[in-house]
Amino acid sequence: MNKTEPRTLPGFMELLPQEQILFNQIKETIKNNYEKFGFLPLDTPVMEDSNVLLAKAGGETEKQIYRFTKGDNDLSLRFDLTVPLAKYVAKNYGELTFPFRRYQIGKVYRGERAQRGRYREFYQCDIDIIGDGELSIINDAELTKVIYDTFNELDFGKFTICINNRKILNGLFENFGQKESSTQIMRIIDKIEKIGKEKVIQELEELGIEKTNIEQIINFIEIDGTTDEKLDKLEKLNISNEVFVKGLQELKEVVKYIRYFNVPEDNFKIDLTIARGLDYYTGTVYETFLDDYKSLGSVCSGGRYENLAEYYTDKKLPGVGISIGLTRLFYQLNEINIIKADKKSIADVLIIPMVDNFEYIAKIQNELRNQGKNVQIYYEDKKIKTKFKYADKLQIPYVVVVGEDEVKNNTYTIKNMQTGEQKEISIWDGPFW
């Protein structure tokens, strides 16, 4: 019989067990932090009706969609978690309590060109707060606290949460008479970290922006100093544009509440280059960077949007949210050895039976599991040396040996695989650790 080569499609992550354990631990840490702030779990379908999923899509996004037909059904795989959320909120509006706070951790699919660190199937970890008609600006500040607590616990090193407000940028461009070009200008500005100032100036010139206005734009985004100094300098620009004034006021409010949430000053800053490329962000925007690994790009991004579900309902549903691209982040951190997949097993104890009395073995197993330990039994008929070698290779911390004497005395023998310490314990004595 001809054999088929076992291979995984390009752009799809498949991990060894020890890597998967670490991946799951990181995912669990993110989930636990989201839940600490009262976010509710949500799991929308991976596959949606194409007309529903693509209501807002266009351009490059639509080209990357995995779309197919099955019978009379036109189906697509979700390309993010925000569009399914919009559908979900519009569909279940009458059943939800607002503000609706949800988190979702799940796989999304994009038909991008496969390359190192870029995946066609990847996990996103999203939270969003959706209001019914209005949503307090305090929510924007609270998300900064969520980001801080999450990355503080993940412990990937020093990090900075960069914040801005798109109204400030929109108002600035309106003040220059460039309202119609504001989206294109922001997309160019958003690339300054990647392509540098000179290239940004060149692209702004190609857009037809006058040199005097380009100088003002560059001077604006290069405003430096402490958080309070930057706010003061923005105030002293004396820009009377209504949108600019509103954005500056919102930014001040967010900073005030971030401080109330006790996010350390070293972990957040105003960055006027942060614009976020997606058009639907209308207020606060966030990007988070690992200080010693800026080349990784933003590890957590998001922002405020005015109307989440405008393509599905006439109800105004403003929201604010953030997203962590977990698959890409895991790959990058693993590549530069910030994280190490050291744990090879999730078992705390390996039971090695030396007798055929599996009723007694099951009794020990149940007792240890009742104590909250992960327990594995070695069933195969191998030499004792092979069984201990198995435990050692998987770095299982404890081995329990059960022979005739242990059955007779209602005991078991436990060995600490790290220290070599060994003792016999009565099954009724309770925990050995």
Protein backbone atom coordinates (compact mmCIF):
# COMPACT_ATOMS: atom_id res chain seq x y z
CA MET A 1 0.00 0.00 0.00
CA ASN A 2 1.28 3.46 -0.91
CA LYS A 3 1.95 5.66 2.09
CA THR A 4 0.88 9.33 2.26
CA GLU A 5 3.51 11.73 3.49
CA PRO A 6 2.45 13.11 6.90
CA ARG A 7 2.65 16.89 6.56
CA THR A 8 0.98 19.99 7.94
CA LEU A 9 -0.24 22.74 5.62
CA PRO A 10 1.90 25.92 5.54
CA GLY A 11 0.61 28.64 7.83
CA PHE A 12 -0.87 26.29 10.43
CA MET A 13 0.77 25.88 13.85
CA GLU A 14 1.24 22.39 15.25
CA LEU A 15 3.18 22.06 18.51
CA LEU A 16 5.00 19.33 20.38
CA PRO A 17 3.39 18.36 23.72
CA GLN A 18 5.73 20.45 25.90
CA GLU A 19 5.14 23.49 23.66
CA GLN A 20 1.38 22.92 23.75
CA ILE A 21 1.47 22.80 27.57
CA LEU A 22 3.19 26.20 27.64
CA PHE A 23 0.82 27.62 25.01
CA ASN A 24 -2.17 26.47 27.06
CA GLN A 25 -0.70 27.99 30.24
CA ILE A 26 -0.33 31.38 28.52
CA LYS A 27 -3.87 31.12 27.12
CA GLU A 28 -5.20 30.23 30.57
CA THR A 29 -3.41 33.21 32.16
CA ILE A 30 -5.02 35.55 29.62
CA LYS A 31 -8.45 33.97 30.17
CA ASN A 32 -8.17 34.22 33.97
CA ASN A 33 -7.23 37.90 33.79
CA TYR A 34 -10.15 38.64 31.49
CA GLU A 35 -12.53 36.89 33.89
CA LYS A 36 -11.12 38.81 36.88
CA PHE A 37 -12.67 41.94 35.35
CA GLY A 38 -16.07 40.33 34.89
CA PHE A 39 -15.91 39.61 31.16
CA LEU A 40 -18.32 36.88 30.07
CA PRO A 41 -17.21 33.98 27.86
CA LEU A 42 -18.45 33.78 24.28
CA ASP A 43 -17.80 31.21 21.56
CA THR A 44 -19.19 32.11 18.14
CA PRO A 45 -19.11 29.65 15.20
CA VAL A 46 -15.90 29.32 13.21
CA MET A 47 -18.07 29.24 10.06
CA GLU A 48 -20.68 31.85 9.15
CA ASP A 49 -23.04 32.70 6.30
CA SER A 50 -20.88 34.67 3.85
CA ASN A 51 -23.43 37.48 3.49
CA VAL A 52 -23.40 38.02 7.26
CA LEU A 53 -19.65 37.71 7.72
CA LEU A 54 -18.70 39.87 4.75
CA ALA A 55 -21.25 42.66 5.31
CA LYS A 56 -18.42 45.09 6.10
CA ALA A 57 -15.50 43.39 4.39
CA GLY A 58 -13.75 44.66 1.30
CA GLY A 59 -10.39 45.12 -0.38
CA GLU A 60 -7.56 42.96 0.94
CA THR A 61 -9.66 41.51 3.75
CA GLU A 62 -12.19 40.00 1.36
CA LYS A 63 -9.40 38.52 -0.76
CA GLN A 64 -8.07 36.66 2.28
CA ILE A 65 -11.38 35.05 3.25
CA TYR A 66 -11.72 31.26 3.08
CA ARG A 67 -15.05 31.03 1.25
CA PHE A 68 -16.79 27.97 -0.18
CA THR A 69 -20.18 26.50 -0.96
CA LYS A 70 -21.81 23.39 0.49
CA GLY A 71 -25.04 22.55 -1.28
CA ASP A 72 -26.98 25.82 -1.50
CA ASN A 73 -25.05 27.44 1.36
CA ASP A 74 -22.47 30.20 0.79
CA LEU A 75 -20.09 29.85 3.75
CA SER A 76 -16.95 31.58 5.06
CA LEU A 77 -14.52 31.01 7.90
CA ARG A 78 -14.33 33.91 10.36
CA PHE A 79 -11.33 36.21 9.78
CA ASP A 80 -11.53 37.96 13.18
CA LEU A 81 -13.66 37.84 16.34
CA THR A 82 -15.09 41.37 16.07
CA VAL A 83 -17.44 40.84 13.12
CA PRO A 84 -18.98 37.70 14.71
CA LEU A 85 -19.38 39.72 17.93
CA ALA A 86 -21.25 42.44 16.01
CA LYS A 87 -23.59 39.83 14.52
CA TYR A 88 -24.06 38.19 17.93
CA VAL A 89 -24.94 41.44 19.73
CA ALA A 90 -27.37 42.53 16.99
CA LYS A 91 -29.02 39.09 16.91
CA ASN A 92 -29.30 38.73 20.71
CA TYR A 93 -29.82 42.39 21.60
CA GLY A 94 -33.03 41.72 23.54
CA GLU A 95 -31.43 38.96 25.62
CA LEU A 96 -28.22 40.79 26.61
CA THR A 97 -27.57 43.10 29.55
CA PHE A 98 -25.66 46.28 28.70
CA PRO A 99 -22.93 47.26 29.00
CA PHE A 100 -22.18 43.82 27.58
CA ARG A 101 -18.68 42.65 28.53
CA ARG A 102 -17.44 39.61 26.67
CA TYR A 103 -14.19 37.78 26.05
CA GLN A 104 -13.52 35.27 23.32
CA ILE A 105 -10.42 33.19 22.73
CA GLY A 106 -10.59 31.29 19.48
CA LYS A 107 -9.12 30.52 16.08
CA VAL A 108 -9.57 32.77 13.06
CA TYR A 109 -8.58 32.20 9.44
CA ARG A 110 -6.94 34.37 6.80
CA GLY A 111 -5.63 33.24 3.44
CA GLU A 112 -2.40 35.22 3.68
CA ARG A 113 0.89 34.24 2.10
CA ALA A 114 2.46 31.83 4.58
CA GLN A 115 5.77 33.01 6.04
CA ARG A 116 7.71 32.74 9.29
CA GLY A 117 5.57 34.02 12.14
CA ARG A 118 2.53 34.67 9.90
CA TYR A 119 -0.25 32.13 10.10
CA ARG A 120 -3.40 31.29 8.17
CA GLU A 121 -4.99 29.79 11.28
CA PHE A 122 -4.31 31.56 14.56
CA TYR A 123 -5.71 32.28 18.01
CA GLN A 124 -6.98 35.72 18.96
CA CYS A 125 -7.79 36.66 22.55
CA ASP A 126 -10.34 39.48 22.51
CA ILE A 127 -12.30 41.48 25.05
CA ASP A 128 -14.91 44.11 24.25
CA ILE A 129 -17.30 46.27 26.25
CA ILE A 130 -20.43 47.20 24.28
CA GLY A 131 -22.79 49.98 25.36
CA ASP A 132 -26.41 50.56 24.43
CA GLY A 133 -26.43 54.07 22.96
CA GLU A 134 -23.55 55.30 25.11
CA LEU A 135 -20.49 53.98 26.92
CA SER A 136 -18.49 55.73 29.65
CA ILE A 137 -14.92 56.77 28.89
CA ILE A 138 -13.87 55.06 32.14
CA ASN A 139 -14.15 51.76 30.27
CA ASP A 140 -11.30 52.88 28.01
CA ALA A 141 -9.09 53.40 31.04
CA GLU A 142 -10.09 50.06 32.58
CA LEU A 143 -8.89 48.17 29.50
CA THR A 144 -5.44 49.65 30.12
CA LYS A 145 -5.59 48.04 33.58
CA VAL A 146 -6.60 44.71 32.01
CA ILE A 147 -3.61 44.90 29.65
CA TYR A 148 -1.30 45.80 32.55
CA ASP A 149 -2.48 42.96 34.83
CA THR A 150 -2.34 40.41 32.02
CA PHE A 151 1.18 41.19 30.80
CA ASN A 152 2.44 41.72 34.34
CA GLU A 153 1.39 38.15 35.18
CA LEU A 154 2.64 36.73 31.87
CA ASP A 155 6.05 38.20 32.82
CA PHE A 156 7.56 38.59 29.35
CA GLY A 157 9.68 41.49 30.60
CA LYS A 158 9.13 45.25 30.76
CA PHE A 159 6.29 46.56 28.62
CA THR A 160 4.67 49.87 27.74
CA ILE A 161 1.02 50.51 26.84
CA CYS A 162 0.92 53.34 24.30
CA ILE A 163 -2.32 55.32 24.12
CA ASN A 164 -3.68 58.04 21.86
CA ASN A 165 -7.04 59.35 20.67
CA ARG A 166 -7.97 59.40 17.00
CA LYS A 167 -10.17 62.48 17.47
CA ILE A 168 -7.00 64.46 18.23
CA LEU A 169 -5.51 63.40 14.90
CA ASN A 170 -8.76 63.86 12.98
CA GLY A 171 -9.20 67.33 14.48
CA LEU A 172 -5.60 68.24 13.65
CA PHE A 173 -6.06 67.28 10.00
CA GLU A 174 -9.38 69.12 9.81
CA ASN A 175 -7.59 72.18 11.17
CA PHE A 176 -5.11 71.87 8.29
CA GLY A 177 -7.96 71.52 5.80
CA GLN A 178 -7.14 67.83 5.24
CA LYS A 179 -10.34 66.24 6.57
CA GLU A 180 -10.91 64.17 3.43
CA SER A 181 -7.39 62.72 3.61
CA SER A 182 -7.38 62.06 7.38
CA THR A 183 -7.74 58.27 7.10
CA GLN A 184 -4.90 58.00 4.58
CA ILE A 185 -2.69 60.34 6.64
CA MET A 186 -3.28 58.27 9.78
CA ARG A 187 -2.40 55.06 7.98
CA ILE A 188 0.89 56.62 6.90
CA ILE A 189 1.63 57.98 10.40
CA ASP A 190 0.82 54.59 11.91
CA LYS A 191 3.79 53.13 9.96
CA ILE A 192 6.43 55.57 11.28
CA GLU A 193 8.01 52.97 13.60
CA LYS A 194 8.37 50.54 10.70
CA ILE A 195 9.41 52.79 7.81
CA GLY A 196 10.95 55.83 9.56
CA LYS A 197 10.25 59.57 9.43
CA GLU A 198 11.77 60.26 5.99
CA LYS A 199 9.62 57.62 4.32
CA VAL A 200 6.54 58.96 6.10
CA ILE A 201 7.32 62.48 4.81
CA GLN A 202 7.74 61.06 1.29
CA GLU A 203 4.38 59.26 1.41
CA LEU A 204 2.64 62.39 2.76
CA GLU A 205 4.13 64.39 -0.13
CA GLU A 206 2.87 61.77 -2.59
CA LEU A 207 -0.57 62.22 -1.04
CA GLY A 208 -0.42 65.90 -2.02
CA ILE A 209 -0.03 67.39 1.46
CA GLU A 210 1.69 70.80 1.48
CA LYS A 211 5.19 70.92 3.01
CA THR A 212 4.17 73.40 5.71
CA ASN A 213 1.36 71.08 6.80
CA ILE A 214 3.71 68.07 6.71
CA GLU A 215 6.08 69.94 9.01
CA GLN A 216 3.23 70.64 11.42
CA ILE A 217 2.16 66.99 11.33
CA ILE A 218 5.70 65.76 12.05
CA ASN A 219 6.23 68.36 14.81
CA PHE A 220 2.92 67.29 16.32
CA ILE A 221 3.68 63.56 16.46
CA GLU A 222 7.18 64.28 17.81
CA ILE A 223 5.84 66.09 20.88
CA ASP A 224 7.77 64.52 23.76
CA GLY A 225 8.09 64.67 27.55
CA THR A 226 6.19 63.08 30.40
CA THR A 227 2.50 62.27 30.12
CA ASP A 228 1.51 65.54 31.77
CA GLU A 229 4.01 67.53 29.66
CA LYS A 230 2.56 66.07 26.47
CA LEU A 231 -0.99 66.94 27.55
CA ASP A 232 0.18 70.46 28.40
CA LYS A 233 1.89 70.87 25.02
CA LEU A 234 -1.24 69.67 23.23
CA GLU A 235 -3.27 72.22 25.18
CA LYS A 236 -0.83 75.01 24.25
CA LEU A 237 -1.26 74.33 20.54
CA ASN A 238 -4.48 76.36 20.99
CA ILE A 239 -6.29 74.36 18.31
CA SER A 240 -9.96 75.33 18.51
CA ASN A 241 -11.23 72.57 16.22
CA GLU A 242 -14.18 70.91 18.00
CA VAL A 243 -13.06 67.34 17.24
CA PHE A 244 -9.50 68.04 18.45
CA VAL A 245 -10.76 69.60 21.70
CA LYS A 246 -13.07 66.61 22.32
CA GLY A 247 -10.25 64.15 21.70
CA LEU A 248 -7.87 65.98 24.03
CA GLN A 249 -10.52 66.04 26.77
CA GLU A 250 -11.12 62.29 26.36
CA LEU A 251 -7.38 61.58 26.51
CA LYS A 252 -7.09 63.59 29.73
CA GLU A 253 -9.98 61.65 31.22
CA VAL A 254 -8.47 58.30 30.25
CA VAL A 255 -5.11 59.25 31.79
CA LYS A 256 -6.84 60.37 35.01
CA TYR A 257 -8.69 57.07 35.39
CA ILE A 258 -5.67 54.96 34.40
CA ARG A 259 -3.93 56.51 37.42
CA TYR A 260 -6.94 55.73 39.61
CA PHE A 261 -6.59 52.11 38.46
CA ASN A 262 -2.98 52.17 39.76
CA VAL A 263 -1.31 51.36 36.45
CA PRO A 264 2.34 52.38 37.04
CA GLU A 265 3.56 55.46 35.15
CA ASP A 266 6.41 53.36 33.72
CA ASN A 267 3.92 51.06 32.01
CA PHE A 268 1.86 53.54 30.00
CA LYS A 269 2.49 56.64 27.92
CA ILE A 270 0.86 58.93 25.39
CA ASP A 271 2.19 58.19 21.91
CA LEU A 272 0.83 60.55 19.27
CA THR A 273 2.04 58.27 16.45
CA ILE A 274 -0.41 55.55 17.47
CA ALA A 275 -3.30 55.77 15.03
CA ARG A 276 -4.35 52.13 14.41
CA GLY A 277 -4.97 51.37 10.77
CA LEU A 278 -8.55 50.17 10.97
CA ASP A 279 -11.06 52.83 10.00
CA TYR A 280 -13.65 51.97 12.64
CA TYR A 281 -11.55 53.20 15.59
CA THR A 282 -12.95 56.61 16.53
CA GLY A 283 -11.48 57.50 19.94
CA THR A 284 -8.99 55.91 22.33
CA VAL A 285 -6.45 53.60 20.68
CA TYR A 286 -3.93 51.25 22.29
CA GLU A 287 -0.74 49.46 21.28
CA THR A 288 1.43 47.52 23.71
CA PHE A 289 5.14 46.88 23.23
CA LEU A 290 7.73 44.77 25.03
CA ASP A 291 10.39 47.38 25.85
CA ASP A 292 13.38 45.16 25.07
CA TYR A 293 11.83 43.66 21.94
CA LYS A 294 10.22 46.54 20.03
CA SER A 295 10.92 44.70 16.78
CA LEU A 296 8.14 42.26 17.65
CA GLY A 297 5.64 45.05 17.06
CA SER A 298 2.51 45.54 19.15
CA VAL A 299 1.61 42.52 21.30
CA CYS A 300 -1.84 43.85 22.28
CA SER A 301 -3.85 46.43 20.33
CA GLY A 302 -7.32 47.88 20.16
CA GLY A 303 -9.47 50.93 20.61
CA ARG A 304 -12.84 52.66 20.83
CA TYR A 305 -15.43 52.48 18.04
CA GLU A 306 -18.74 54.32 17.80
CA ASN A 307 -21.04 51.75 16.25
CA LEU A 308 -20.15 48.06 16.41
CA ALA A 309 -23.14 46.58 14.59
CA GLU A 310 -24.12 49.27 12.07
CA TYR A 311 -24.29 46.68 9.27
CA TYR A 312 -26.81 44.55 11.18
CA THR A 313 -29.04 46.96 13.15
CA ASP A 314 -30.08 50.61 13.43
CA LYS A 315 -29.30 50.59 17.15
CA LYS A 316 -26.21 52.55 18.13
CA LEU A 317 -23.84 50.21 19.96
CA PRO A 318 -20.55 51.94 20.87
CA GLY A 319 -17.73 49.83 22.22
CA VAL A 320 -14.11 49.53 23.19
CA GLY A 321 -11.92 46.45 22.92
CA ILE A 322 -8.46 44.94 22.74
CA SER A 323 -6.97 41.86 21.12
CA ILE A 324 -3.90 39.68 21.68
CA GLY A 325 -2.74 37.67 18.65
CA LEU A 326 -1.66 34.68 20.71
CA THR A 327 -0.34 32.32 18.00
CA ARG A 328 1.99 34.88 16.43
CA LEU A 329 3.09 36.17 19.84
CA PHE A 330 3.87 32.64 21.04
CA TYR A 331 5.92 31.94 17.93
CA GLN A 332 7.90 35.18 18.27
CA LEU A 333 8.60 34.76 21.99
CA ASN A 334 9.68 31.16 21.43
CA GLU A 335 11.98 32.18 18.57
CA ILE A 336 13.93 34.64 20.74
CA ASN A 337 13.88 32.43 23.85
CA ILE A 338 11.81 34.75 26.05
CA ILE A 339 9.71 31.68 26.88
CA LYS A 340 10.87 28.10 27.29
CA ALA A 341 8.74 24.98 26.90
CA ASP A 342 10.30 23.04 29.78
CA LYS A 343 7.32 21.17 31.18
CA LYS A 344 6.96 17.83 29.39
CA SER A 345 3.99 16.35 31.26
CA ILE A 346 0.94 17.57 33.14
CA ALA A 347 0.98 14.52 35.45
CA ASP A 348 2.06 15.14 39.07
CA VAL A 349 2.27 11.43 39.87
CA LEU A 350 2.98 8.27 37.90
CA ILE A 351 1.70 5.06 39.53
CA ILE A 352 3.78 1.99 38.73
CA PRO A 353 1.85 -1.19 39.62
CA MET A 354 3.98 -4.23 40.52
CA VAL A 355 0.87 -6.35 41.18
CA ASP A 356 -2.28 -7.33 39.27
CA ASN A 357 -4.58 -5.97 42.00
CA PHE A 358 -5.96 -3.05 39.98
CA GLU A 359 -8.80 -2.54 42.46
CA TYR A 360 -6.18 -1.38 44.95
CA ILE A 361 -4.37 0.66 42.28
CA ALA A 362 -7.66 2.41 41.44
CA LYS A 363 -8.19 3.17 45.14
CA ILE A 364 -4.80 4.93 45.34
CA GLN A 365 -5.42 6.73 42.08
CA ASN A 366 -8.81 8.03 43.28
CA GLU A 367 -7.36 9.15 46.61
CA LEU A 368 -4.54 11.11 44.94
CA ARG A 369 -6.92 12.70 42.43
CA ASN A 370 -9.24 13.68 45.28
CA GLN A 371 -6.23 15.55 46.68
CA GLY A 372 -6.16 17.61 43.48
CA LYS A 373 -3.24 15.86 41.77
CA ASN A 374 -2.98 14.79 38.12
CA VAL A 375 -2.35 11.06 38.16
CA GLN A 376 -1.21 8.71 35.40
CA ILE A 377 -0.90 4.90 35.65
CA TYR A 378 1.74 2.95 33.76
CA TYR A 379 -0.15 -0.11 32.45
CA GLU A 380 2.42 -1.63 30.09
CA ASP A 381 4.32 -4.79 31.07
CA LYS A 382 7.89 -3.44 31.11
CA LYS A 383 10.90 -3.69 33.38
CA ILE A 384 10.87 -1.42 36.44
CA LYS A 385 13.91 0.44 35.08
CA THR A 386 12.02 1.28 31.87
CA LYS A 387 9.06 2.58 33.87
CA PHE A 388 11.22 4.89 35.99
CA LYS A 389 13.01 6.06 32.86
CA TYR A 390 9.60 6.96 31.37
CA ALA A 391 8.79 9.11 34.42
CA ASP A 392 12.23 10.72 34.32
CA LYS A 393 12.01 11.54 30.62
CA LEU A 394 8.63 13.25 31.08
CA GLN A 395 9.88 14.95 34.27
CA ILE A 396 6.97 13.66 36.34
CA PRO A 397 7.78 14.85 39.89
CA TYR A 398 6.59 11.78 41.86
CA VAL A 399 6.41 8.05 41.27
CA VAL A 400 4.19 5.76 43.36
CA VAL A 401 5.18 2.09 43.45
CA VAL A 402 2.66 -0.51 44.55
CA GLY A 403 3.84 -4.08 45.27
CA GLU A 404 2.61 -7.02 47.34
CA ASP A 405 3.83 -5.49 50.63
CA GLU A 406 2.04 -2.20 49.94
CA VAL A 407 -1.25 -4.02 49.21
CA LYS A 408 -0.85 -6.12 52.35
CA ASN A 409 -0.12 -3.06 54.56
CA ASN A 410 -2.63 -0.71 52.92
CA THR A 411 0.20 1.62 51.89
CA TYR A 412 2.04 2.91 48.86
CA THR A 413 5.67 3.86 48.31
CA ILE A 414 6.31 7.36 46.95
CA LYS A 415 9.55 8.59 45.41
CA ASN A 416 10.49 12.22 44.80
CA MET A 417 12.14 12.03 41.38
CA GLN A 418 14.13 15.21 41.92
CA THR A 419 15.61 14.51 45.37
CA GLY A 420 15.49 10.71 45.31
CA GLU A 421 13.73 10.72 48.71
CA GLN A 422 11.46 7.71 49.16
CA LYS A 423 8.94 6.78 51.87
CA GLU A 424 6.03 4.45 52.54
CA ILE A 425 2.68 6.12 53.31
CA SER A 426 -0.60 4.71 54.58
CA ILE A 427 -3.42 5.21 52.15
CA TRP A 428 -5.44 6.69 54.99
CA ASP A 429 -2.83 9.23 56.09
CA GLY A 430 -3.91 11.90 53.61
CA PRO A 431 -1.63 14.05 51.40
CA PHE A 432 2.07 13.24 51.28
CA TRP A 433 3.02 16.79 50.19
